[in-house]
Protein backbone atom coordinates (compact mmCIF):
# COMPACT_ATOMS: atom_id res chain seq x y z
CA MET A 1 142.20 194.31 63.84
CA PRO A 2 139.04 195.73 61.94
CA ARG A 3 137.00 197.52 64.74
CA TRP A 4 133.42 195.64 63.51
CA LEU A 5 135.50 192.08 64.41
CA ILE A 6 135.75 193.02 68.23
CA PRO A 7 132.12 192.98 69.12
CA LEU A 8 131.74 189.42 67.34
CA LEU A 9 135.08 188.06 69.19
CA LEU A 10 133.59 188.99 72.39
CA LEU A 11 130.29 187.78 71.62
CA LEU A 12 132.31 184.34 70.80
CA ALA A 13 134.41 184.48 74.13
CA GLY A 14 131.77 185.29 76.06
CA ALA A 15 129.60 181.87 74.71
CA LEU A 16 132.70 179.97 75.07
CA PHE A 17 132.88 180.86 79.20
CA PRO A 18 129.97 178.61 80.09
CA LEU A 19 132.29 175.43 78.57
CA ALA A 20 134.74 176.22 81.44
CA LEU A 21 132.18 175.16 84.03
CA ALA A 22 130.21 171.90 84.65
CA PRO A 23 129.50 169.81 83.27
CA PHE A 24 132.56 170.33 80.63
CA PHE A 25 134.93 171.99 82.88
CA TRP A 26 137.09 172.96 79.70
CA TRP A 27 138.65 175.37 82.14
CA PRO A 28 141.53 176.52 79.71
CA LEU A 29 138.65 177.84 77.33
CA GLY A 30 137.81 179.96 80.28
CA LEU A 31 141.12 181.75 80.12
CA VAL A 32 141.14 182.17 76.42
CA SER A 33 137.59 183.52 76.81
CA LEU A 34 138.69 185.71 79.76
CA ALA A 35 141.86 186.95 77.68
CA VAL A 36 139.48 188.35 74.79
CA LEU A 37 137.45 190.04 77.40
CA MET A 38 140.62 191.82 79.36
CA ALA A 39 142.55 192.46 75.95
CA ALA A 40 139.56 194.30 74.85
CA LEU A 41 139.46 196.49 78.14
CA GLN A 42 143.18 196.97 78.01
CA HIS A 43 142.45 198.62 74.61
CA SER A 44 139.21 201.07 75.62
CA HIS A 45 139.26 204.28 75.41
CA SER A 46 136.27 205.28 77.10
CA PRO A 47 133.87 204.08 80.06
CA ARG A 48 130.99 203.77 77.30
CA GLN A 49 133.52 201.61 75.16
CA ALA A 50 134.23 199.65 78.29
CA PHE A 51 130.71 199.45 79.14
CA VAL A 52 129.77 198.09 75.67
CA TYR A 53 132.80 195.59 75.37
CA THR A 54 132.04 193.87 78.65
CA TRP A 55 127.98 193.79 78.04
CA LEU A 56 128.66 192.27 74.90
CA PHE A 57 130.87 189.48 76.58
CA SER A 58 128.47 189.00 79.50
CA PHE A 59 125.38 188.87 77.25
CA ALA A 60 126.82 185.66 75.62
CA LYS A 61 127.85 184.34 78.55
CA PHE A 62 124.46 184.62 80.17
CA ALA A 63 122.74 183.74 77.18
CA VAL A 64 124.65 180.37 77.12
CA GLY A 65 125.24 179.79 80.44
CA VAL A 66 121.74 180.36 81.99
CA SER A 67 119.63 179.06 78.73
CA TRP A 68 118.35 176.16 80.74
CA ILE A 69 115.66 178.67 82.39
CA TYR A 70 114.13 178.27 78.94
CA VAL A 71 112.70 175.04 80.04
CA SER A 72 111.07 175.90 83.13
CA ILE A 73 109.69 178.98 81.55
CA HIS A 74 108.47 177.23 78.36
CA ARG A 75 107.92 173.28 79.19
CA PHE A 76 106.66 174.10 82.90
CA GLY A 77 105.63 177.92 82.94
CA GLY A 78 103.36 177.55 79.37
CA THR A 79 104.80 180.45 78.05
CA PRO A 80 105.13 180.51 74.33
CA ALA A 81 108.69 179.46 72.72
CA PRO A 82 109.33 182.63 70.86
CA LEU A 83 108.23 184.52 74.26
CA ALA A 84 110.16 182.39 76.27
CA VAL A 85 113.35 182.91 74.23
CA LEU A 86 112.76 186.46 74.63
CA MET A 87 112.47 186.21 78.35
CA VAL A 88 115.91 184.35 78.31
CA ALA A 89 117.49 187.02 76.34
CA LEU A 90 116.25 189.83 78.63
CA PHE A 91 117.41 187.95 81.72
CA ALA A 92 120.88 187.70 80.16
CA GLY A 93 120.71 190.90 79.01
CA PHE A 94 119.95 192.43 82.72
CA LEU A 95 122.62 190.20 84.21
CA ALA A 96 125.03 191.76 81.84
CA ILE A 97 124.31 195.04 83.20
CA PHE A 98 126.23 194.38 86.17
CA PRO A 99 129.79 193.81 84.93
CA ALA A 100 129.45 196.28 82.32
CA LEU A 101 128.50 199.08 85.05
CA VAL A 102 131.53 197.92 87.25
CA PHE A 103 134.31 197.89 84.33
CA ALA A 104 132.90 201.12 82.82
CA LEU A 105 133.50 202.95 86.26
CA ARG A 106 137.16 201.09 86.67
CA GLN A 107 137.77 203.02 83.18
CA HIS A 108 136.25 206.30 84.28
CA LEU A 109 138.33 206.35 87.70
CA PHE A 110 141.41 204.38 86.77
CA GLY A 111 141.74 204.07 82.86
CA GLN A 112 144.72 201.78 82.04
CA THR A 113 146.85 202.79 85.52
CA LEU A 114 147.61 199.09 86.74
CA ALA A 115 145.00 197.53 84.60
CA TRP A 116 146.68 194.25 85.15
CA LEU A 117 145.86 194.72 88.55
CA THR A 118 142.27 196.55 88.92
CA LEU A 119 140.86 194.34 86.18
CA PRO A 120 141.08 191.45 88.61
CA VAL A 121 139.63 193.23 91.49
CA CYS A 122 136.82 194.49 89.57
CA TRP A 123 136.05 191.05 88.34
CA PHE A 124 135.86 190.14 92.05
CA LEU A 125 133.48 193.32 92.95
CA TYR A 126 131.19 192.26 90.18
CA GLU A 127 131.02 188.56 91.03
CA PHE A 128 130.27 190.00 94.73
CA LEU A 129 127.76 192.44 93.82
CA ARG A 130 125.47 190.28 91.26
CA GLY A 131 125.88 187.37 94.30
CA ASN A 132 124.41 189.53 96.92
CA PHE A 133 122.48 192.45 95.22
CA LEU A 134 118.72 191.78 96.15
CA THR A 135 118.19 188.40 96.11
CA GLY A 136 121.73 187.68 94.40
CA PHE A 137 122.53 185.49 91.77
CA PRO A 138 125.74 183.41 92.54
CA TRP A 139 125.77 181.51 89.13
CA LEU A 140 128.73 181.12 86.64
CA PHE A 141 131.47 182.64 88.78
CA ALA A 142 134.88 182.23 87.08
CA GLY A 143 136.35 180.32 90.19
CA ASP A 144 133.66 177.81 89.89
CA ALA A 145 135.61 176.53 87.03
CA HIS A 146 138.41 174.84 88.75
CA LEU A 147 136.98 172.45 91.03
CA HIS A 148 139.67 169.99 89.57
CA SER A 149 142.65 171.92 88.73
CA TRP A 150 145.29 172.99 90.70
CA LEU A 151 143.56 176.22 92.00
CA ALA A 152 141.06 174.10 93.75
CA GLY A 153 143.66 174.31 96.33
CA TRP A 154 142.89 177.75 97.08
CA ALA A 155 139.04 177.19 97.59
CA PRO A 156 139.30 176.51 101.37
CA ILE A 157 141.33 179.52 101.70
CA ILE A 158 139.94 182.22 99.59
CA GLY A 159 136.58 180.85 98.26
CA SER A 160 135.47 180.62 94.80
CA TYR A 161 135.73 184.65 94.77
CA GLY A 162 139.44 184.52 95.28
CA ILE A 163 140.06 181.87 92.68
CA SER A 164 138.21 183.88 90.34
CA VAL A 165 140.76 186.53 91.31
CA LEU A 166 143.46 184.39 90.76
CA LEU A 167 142.13 183.33 87.57
CA VAL A 168 141.43 186.88 86.10
CA LEU A 169 145.05 187.96 87.39
CA SER A 170 146.73 184.92 85.82
CA VAL A 171 145.35 186.13 82.37
CA THR A 172 146.04 189.91 83.02
CA LEU A 173 149.84 188.75 83.91
CA LEU A 174 150.30 187.03 80.54
CA LEU A 175 148.77 189.77 78.77
CA GLU A 176 151.16 192.10 80.58
CA VAL A 177 154.21 190.13 79.86
CA TRP A 178 153.09 189.67 76.09
CA GLN A 179 152.69 193.75 75.98
CA ARG A 180 155.66 194.97 77.89
CA ARG A 181 158.13 191.99 77.99
CA CYS A 182 157.89 192.21 82.09
CA TYR A 183 159.10 188.59 82.60
CA ALA A 184 159.13 189.06 86.23
CA LEU A 185 155.48 189.07 86.58
CA LEU A 186 155.42 185.68 85.60
CA ALA A 187 156.52 184.81 89.32
CA GLY A 188 152.96 185.50 89.82
CA LEU A 189 151.52 182.26 88.13
CA LEU A 190 153.21 180.27 90.90
CA VAL A 191 149.51 180.25 92.44
CA TRP A 192 149.08 177.40 90.13
CA PRO A 193 151.40 175.16 91.52
CA ALA A 194 150.98 176.42 94.93
CA GLY A 195 147.61 175.59 94.88
CA ALA A 196 148.56 171.95 93.90
CA LEU A 197 150.55 171.88 97.16
CA LEU A 198 147.46 172.84 99.13
CA GLN A 199 145.45 170.41 97.80
CA PRO A 200 146.63 167.61 100.46
CA LEU A 201 146.15 169.93 103.56
CA GLU A 202 143.20 168.66 105.97
CA TRP A 203 141.68 171.96 107.40
CA THR A 204 139.05 170.21 109.49
CA HIS A 205 138.86 166.91 111.57
CA ILE A 206 136.91 163.73 111.83
CA THR A 207 134.26 163.53 114.57
CA GLY A 208 132.30 160.38 113.48
CA SER A 209 130.44 158.84 110.86
CA LEU A 210 126.86 158.52 109.50
CA ASN A 211 125.54 155.65 107.42
CA VAL A 212 123.34 157.95 104.67
CA SER A 213 120.63 157.54 102.18
CA ALA A 214 119.48 159.84 99.87
CA VAL A 215 115.98 158.63 97.75
CA GLN A 216 115.22 160.20 94.49
CA GLY A 217 111.73 159.51 93.87
CA ASN A 218 111.66 160.87 90.15
CA ILE A 219 108.04 162.25 90.18
CA PRO A 220 107.43 163.50 86.62
CA GLN A 221 106.88 167.45 87.34
CA ASN A 222 103.82 167.55 85.40
CA LEU A 223 102.03 165.02 87.82
CA LYS A 224 103.99 166.12 90.86
CA TRP A 225 101.43 168.75 92.26
CA ARG A 226 98.43 167.07 91.42
CA PRO A 227 96.12 166.19 94.66
CA GLU A 228 95.84 162.72 93.32
CA MET A 229 99.50 162.12 93.61
CA MET A 230 99.89 163.29 97.37
CA ASP A 231 99.47 159.72 98.80
CA PRO A 232 100.81 158.10 96.16
CA THR A 233 103.96 160.10 96.22
CA ILE A 234 104.50 159.49 100.24
CA GLY A 235 103.98 155.94 99.46
CA ILE A 236 106.82 155.91 96.93
CA TYR A 237 109.43 157.72 99.32
CA TYR A 238 108.50 155.65 102.33
CA ASP A 239 108.63 152.41 100.14
CA GLN A 240 112.24 153.40 99.33
CA THR A 241 113.11 154.40 102.63
CA SER A 242 111.72 151.25 104.28
CA GLN A 243 114.53 149.41 102.42
CA HIS A 244 117.15 151.65 104.08
CA TRP A 245 116.53 151.51 107.85
CA ASP A 246 120.11 150.50 108.19
CA SER A 247 121.13 154.19 107.52
CA ASP A 248 121.49 156.66 110.27
CA LEU A 249 120.20 159.33 108.23
CA ILE A 250 117.74 158.98 105.18
CA LEU A 251 117.37 162.36 102.86
CA TRP A 252 114.13 163.28 100.75
CA PRO A 253 114.36 165.78 97.91
CA GLU A 254 113.00 169.43 97.95
CA THR A 255 109.09 169.19 98.63
CA ALA A 256 109.28 165.91 98.13
CA VAL A 257 105.91 165.54 100.11
CA THR A 258 103.37 167.84 98.38
CA LYS A 259 101.11 168.27 101.24
CA LEU A 260 101.77 170.99 103.84
CA LEU A 261 103.60 169.88 106.99
CA ASP A 262 100.34 170.00 109.04
CA GLN A 263 98.47 167.88 106.58
CA PHE A 264 101.32 165.51 106.43
CA ARG A 265 102.01 164.97 110.21
CA PRO A 266 99.80 162.16 111.00
CA ALA A 267 101.81 160.03 108.22
CA MET A 268 104.77 161.71 109.47
CA ASN A 269 104.23 160.48 113.01
CA GLU A 270 103.86 156.93 111.77
CA ILE A 271 107.30 157.03 109.67
CA ALA A 272 108.98 158.71 112.53
CA ALA A 273 108.04 156.16 115.13
CA GLU A 274 109.27 153.27 112.83
CA ALA A 275 112.47 155.50 111.99
CA LEU A 276 112.98 156.13 115.82
CA GLU A 277 112.78 151.89 116.18
CA HIS A 278 115.80 151.76 113.80
CA ASN A 279 117.27 155.06 115.37
CA THR A 280 117.16 156.64 111.97
CA THR A 281 116.60 160.29 111.24
CA VAL A 282 114.62 161.04 108.33
CA ILE A 283 114.81 164.59 106.70
CA THR A 284 112.36 165.93 103.75
CA GLY A 285 111.69 169.21 102.00
CA ILE A 286 108.18 170.23 102.75
CA ALA A 287 106.07 173.36 102.61
CA TYR A 288 105.12 174.83 105.93
CA ARG A 289 102.10 176.82 106.81
CA TYR A 290 101.71 179.13 109.80
CA PRO A 291 98.53 177.75 111.68
CA ARG A 292 95.42 179.79 112.70
CA GLY A 293 95.95 181.81 115.59
CA HIS A 294 99.46 182.94 114.54
CA GLU A 295 100.10 186.48 113.12
CA LEU A 296 101.31 185.09 109.77
CA ALA A 297 98.47 182.80 109.32
CA GLY A 298 98.14 181.53 106.02
CA GLU A 299 101.68 182.40 104.92
CA PHE A 300 104.03 179.91 103.62
CA HIS A 301 107.67 178.80 103.63
CA ASN A 302 109.75 176.27 101.24
CA SER A 303 111.27 174.25 104.47
CA ILE A 304 112.95 171.09 105.66
CA VAL A 305 111.94 168.92 108.39
CA ALA A 306 113.93 166.17 110.49
CA PHE A 307 112.04 163.72 112.37
CA GLY A 308 112.38 160.18 114.01
CA ALA A 309 115.77 159.89 115.89
CA GLY A 310 116.56 163.73 115.13
CA ALA A 311 114.71 166.78 115.06
CA GLY A 312 114.39 170.26 113.59
CA ILE A 313 112.73 172.40 111.22
CA TYR A 314 114.76 175.01 108.57
CA HIS A 315 112.65 177.63 106.60
CA LYS A 316 114.37 178.63 103.26
CA GLN A 317 116.41 182.12 103.47
CA GLN A 318 117.24 182.77 99.66
CA LEU A 319 114.25 182.36 97.51
CA VAL A 320 114.26 182.31 93.82
CA PRO A 321 112.55 185.19 92.23
CA PHE A 322 109.42 183.97 90.28
CA GLY A 323 110.06 180.59 91.23
CA GLU A 324 109.03 180.84 94.95
CA PHE A 325 108.02 184.51 95.14
CA VAL A 326 107.21 187.11 92.46
CA PRO A 327 108.40 190.23 92.82
CA PHE A 328 105.84 193.20 92.19
CA GLU A 329 103.43 190.47 92.44
CA GLN A 330 100.17 192.56 92.57
CA GLN A 331 101.25 194.02 89.09
CA ILE A 332 102.38 191.03 87.17
CA ARG A 333 100.35 188.05 88.54
CA GLY A 334 98.28 186.61 85.98
CA LEU A 335 100.17 188.51 82.83
CA ILE A 336 101.52 184.89 81.54
CA PRO A 337 101.26 181.47 82.88
CA PHE A 338 104.89 181.58 84.02
CA PHE A 339 104.00 184.08 86.91
CA ASP A 340 101.59 181.96 88.26
CA LEU A 341 103.55 178.68 88.96
CA GLU A 342 102.60 176.25 92.04
CA MET A 343 103.72 177.47 95.45
CA SER A 344 105.43 180.98 94.08
CA SER A 345 104.46 182.92 97.36
CA PHE A 346 106.67 181.76 100.08
CA ARG A 347 108.09 183.80 102.89
CA HIS A 348 111.79 184.16 103.39
CA GLY A 349 113.15 182.27 106.56
CA PRO A 350 115.05 183.87 109.26
CA ALA A 351 118.82 184.13 109.24
CA ASP A 352 119.49 182.81 112.77
CA GLN A 353 117.77 179.33 112.66
CA PRO A 354 119.13 176.12 114.60
CA LEU A 355 120.61 173.54 112.80
CA LEU A 356 118.64 170.08 112.26
CA LYS A 357 119.85 167.21 114.85
CA ALA A 358 120.78 163.71 113.46
CA ALA A 359 121.46 161.00 116.05
CA LYS A 360 123.71 157.80 115.80
CA GLY A 361 123.37 156.03 119.33
CA ALA A 362 124.52 158.59 122.23
CA ASP A 363 125.96 160.89 119.84
CA THR A 364 123.97 163.67 118.18
CA PHE A 365 125.59 165.56 115.05
CA LEU A 366 124.61 168.70 113.88
CA VAL A 367 123.32 169.24 109.88
CA ALA A 368 123.23 172.59 108.05
CA PRO A 369 120.56 172.18 105.71
CA PHE A 370 120.11 173.96 102.21
CA ILE A 371 117.38 173.99 99.97
CA CYS A 372 117.88 174.27 96.27
CA TYR A 373 120.21 177.06 95.03
CA GLU A 374 120.77 178.18 98.54
CA ILE A 375 124.04 175.84 98.25
CA ALA A 376 125.10 178.28 95.51
CA TYR A 377 125.64 181.31 98.07
CA PRO A 378 129.26 180.66 99.46
CA GLN A 379 128.79 183.20 102.44
CA LEU A 380 125.44 181.55 103.65
CA VAL A 381 126.86 178.02 103.24
CA SER A 382 130.15 179.16 104.97
CA ARG A 383 128.15 181.04 107.93
CA MET A 384 126.08 177.89 108.59
CA ALA A 385 128.61 175.47 108.41
CA GLN A 386 130.38 176.75 111.30
CA GLN A 387 128.89 174.62 113.88
CA ALA A 388 127.68 171.73 111.45
CA ASP A 389 129.24 168.34 111.20
CA PHE A 390 127.41 167.58 108.02
CA LEU A 391 125.83 169.37 105.13
CA VAL A 392 122.78 168.44 102.81
CA THR A 393 121.05 169.81 100.26
CA VAL A 394 117.53 169.26 98.54
CA SER A 395 116.35 170.50 95.24
CA ASN A 396 114.08 169.70 92.61
CA ASP A 397 115.97 170.30 89.73
CA ALA A 398 112.89 168.86 87.41
CA TRP A 399 111.86 172.37 86.33
CA PHE A 400 114.79 172.44 84.15
CA GLY A 401 115.01 168.96 82.44
CA ASP A 402 118.05 167.24 81.51
CA SER A 403 120.08 170.60 80.75
CA LEU A 404 123.11 172.54 81.77
CA GLY A 405 121.17 173.88 85.10
CA PRO A 406 121.24 170.52 87.15
CA LYS A 407 124.93 169.88 86.16
CA GLN A 408 126.01 173.59 87.31
CA HIS A 409 124.04 173.09 90.59
CA MET A 410 125.83 169.85 91.37
CA ALA A 411 129.14 171.79 90.80
CA LEU A 412 128.32 174.60 92.94
CA ALA A 413 127.33 172.07 95.76
CA GLN A 414 130.68 170.49 95.43
CA MET A 415 132.65 173.70 95.61
CA ARG A 416 130.68 174.61 98.65
CA ALA A 417 131.63 171.36 100.14
CA LEU A 418 135.33 171.99 99.34
CA GLU A 419 135.40 175.56 100.87
CA THR A 420 133.71 174.31 103.97
CA GLY A 421 135.96 171.01 104.31
CA ARG A 422 132.41 169.19 105.02
CA TRP A 423 131.03 166.07 103.43
CA LEU A 424 127.63 166.81 101.61
CA LEU A 425 124.47 164.43 100.84
CA ARG A 426 122.44 166.04 98.04
CA ALA A 427 118.87 164.74 97.13
CA THR A 428 116.91 165.99 94.23
CA ASN A 429 113.49 164.71 92.67
CA THR A 430 114.89 163.34 89.21
CA GLY A 431 118.62 164.04 89.52
CA ILE A 432 121.39 164.59 90.48
CA THR A 433 121.46 162.79 93.69
CA ALA A 434 125.00 162.40 94.87
CA LEU A 435 127.11 162.31 98.00
CA VAL A 436 130.43 164.47 97.80
CA ASP A 437 133.33 164.44 100.24
CA HIS A 438 135.12 167.20 102.08
CA LYS A 439 137.31 167.76 99.15
CA GLY A 440 134.59 168.29 96.69
CA ARG A 441 134.84 164.75 95.00
CA LEU A 442 131.63 163.30 93.74
CA LEU A 443 131.88 159.93 95.47
CA GLU A 444 128.39 158.43 94.35
CA ARG A 445 125.61 159.61 92.27
CA LEU A 446 122.23 158.29 90.90
CA PRO A 447 121.52 158.15 87.23
CA TYR A 448 119.23 160.72 85.87
CA GLU A 449 115.69 160.52 85.66
CA GLN A 450 115.62 157.10 87.56
CA ARG A 451 113.83 156.18 90.87
CA GLY A 452 116.18 154.81 93.25
CA THR A 453 118.15 155.63 96.54
CA LEU A 454 121.74 156.27 96.76
CA SER A 455 123.39 155.22 100.08
CA GLY A 456 126.86 155.53 101.45
CA SER A 457 129.20 156.17 104.80
CA ALA A 458 129.71 160.08 105.31
CA GLU A 459 132.44 161.50 107.70
CA MET A 460 131.14 164.00 110.25
CA ARG A 461 133.88 166.80 110.51
CA HIS A 462 134.28 169.79 112.48
CA GLY A 463 136.65 172.74 112.45
CA SER A 464 136.68 175.96 110.05
CA THR A 465 138.69 176.27 107.01
CA PRO A 466 140.78 180.00 106.58
CA TYR A 467 137.71 180.88 104.24
CA MET A 468 135.06 180.08 106.88
CA GLN A 469 136.85 181.94 109.44
CA LEU A 470 137.93 185.31 107.45
CA GLY A 471 135.30 185.29 104.54
CA VAL A 472 135.89 187.57 101.74
CA TRP A 473 137.50 190.33 104.00
CA PRO A 474 141.25 189.69 102.86
CA LEU A 475 139.65 190.05 99.04
CA ALA A 476 138.00 193.08 100.23
CA ILE A 477 141.02 194.81 101.81
CA PHE A 478 143.57 193.82 98.93
CA SER A 479 140.74 195.33 96.53
CA LEU A 480 140.72 198.42 98.42
CA LEU A 481 144.62 198.79 98.51
CA ILE A 482 144.82 198.29 94.68
CA LEU A 483 142.09 200.54 93.76
CA GLY A 484 143.80 203.26 96.50
CA LEU A 485 147.17 202.62 94.85
CA ALA A 486 145.96 202.84 91.11
CA GLY A 487 143.91 206.12 92.28
CA TRP A 488 146.86 207.65 93.57
CA ARG A 489 149.17 206.31 90.58
CA ARG A 490 146.61 208.15 88.18
CA ARG A 491 146.31 211.36 89.92
CA ARG A 492 150.34 211.71 90.13
CA SER A 493 150.43 210.81 86.55
CA GLN A 494 148.03 213.53 85.61
CA SER A 495 149.73 216.05 88.11
CA PHE A 496 153.05 215.32 86.26
CA THR A 497 151.45 215.83 83.13
CA GLU A 498 150.03 219.18 83.96
CA LEU A 499 153.18 220.54 85.12
CA ARG A 500 154.87 219.61 81.93
């Protein structure tokens, strides 16, 4: 193959990778995409070459897979189109550095020693690094493409991180068989039918049920934050809610109320009294401001509050860079309109917050809340779900229009439900508002960009899946063992060569 063709193939393979994920779920394309990258890395001769190969693949993957941020930067951030395209490209190029560094280091330390094992392990290390470095960006993980394949059966055991490892391992095993005719390695592909056999297992048990509703207000993003829309918006959500007082829990989206909590409290108290009469819990996203006299007076949180028959408040822990806080704020505020979006100065919430409470008669259920892309974080969701009977997540994906972003976001919520064995209710401003069961199946959803209310019956569940109990520790230990073995094998090989 001509050397000039390799970069083009890597770019094409990277661009195909997002098609394996939501909303397409053409997961066989993910196998083909990864096979191109793994084959190239198995034939790379230097860390520099491994860096370039991986960067090209990953740049194309992110340029296509997170192209939806263009909508928020240009349409709602007021950035000129050419500059918005450049910013998307720079973001994709930055994200591509993470895997490029990991696989360049792998090439430096291990060369091609046990490549069929070190490549899957390093893929896990790269995804884990990207998902946790600074605020993290746990998006476009390879395992998230397999919400509906046989490998989904492994999600409650090893999570999406583990499915990524199995996926890349399947590719490297096939490459190893093709190149070396080691047919015994095909036994490793039994993880696929094993996943199918695992799918019917129940890892959690039912503790009760709630009739739930989720309101989709469909307030245009360019109108939502206008002062004259504050009271009409509350009216829209109240009108929708008052038609569903037979529900035990009613969920409004992220910042559904565009007033601050202290400003909304008089109206909230009136709605709460009516909700309490019907034994209904209302949960809404809202901005919280610390009162005068507090040491953080004037500071804000992106929050969720429960009222009526239930109670509690939660402050978002994982904030969106440039959306909810601006890194290097003093240096870059005012450079372009995108750096001055409304409500982009929130504080991070603490990690040890109590769960929300929802009541049904004499029973009280604990609800784990997640705001926007917090639902993308496997470890955060797993930790908060430990004591929860039910998961709720609220978002305002109107920032991204009818692009890939909201569909990918919905699929991530489904994967978290599958990993934790919990039902999940999702409310968004314009879509996707949905109810998901403990197997990650989307049971009900509202049409995109339509005002309406989704209702259904949801199981409350308790207990822990193996992934909730063990997290990524089994993968971490497996990775250390593989890397240690590969290092030992390489040193032994080098010593033998020197003796000769």
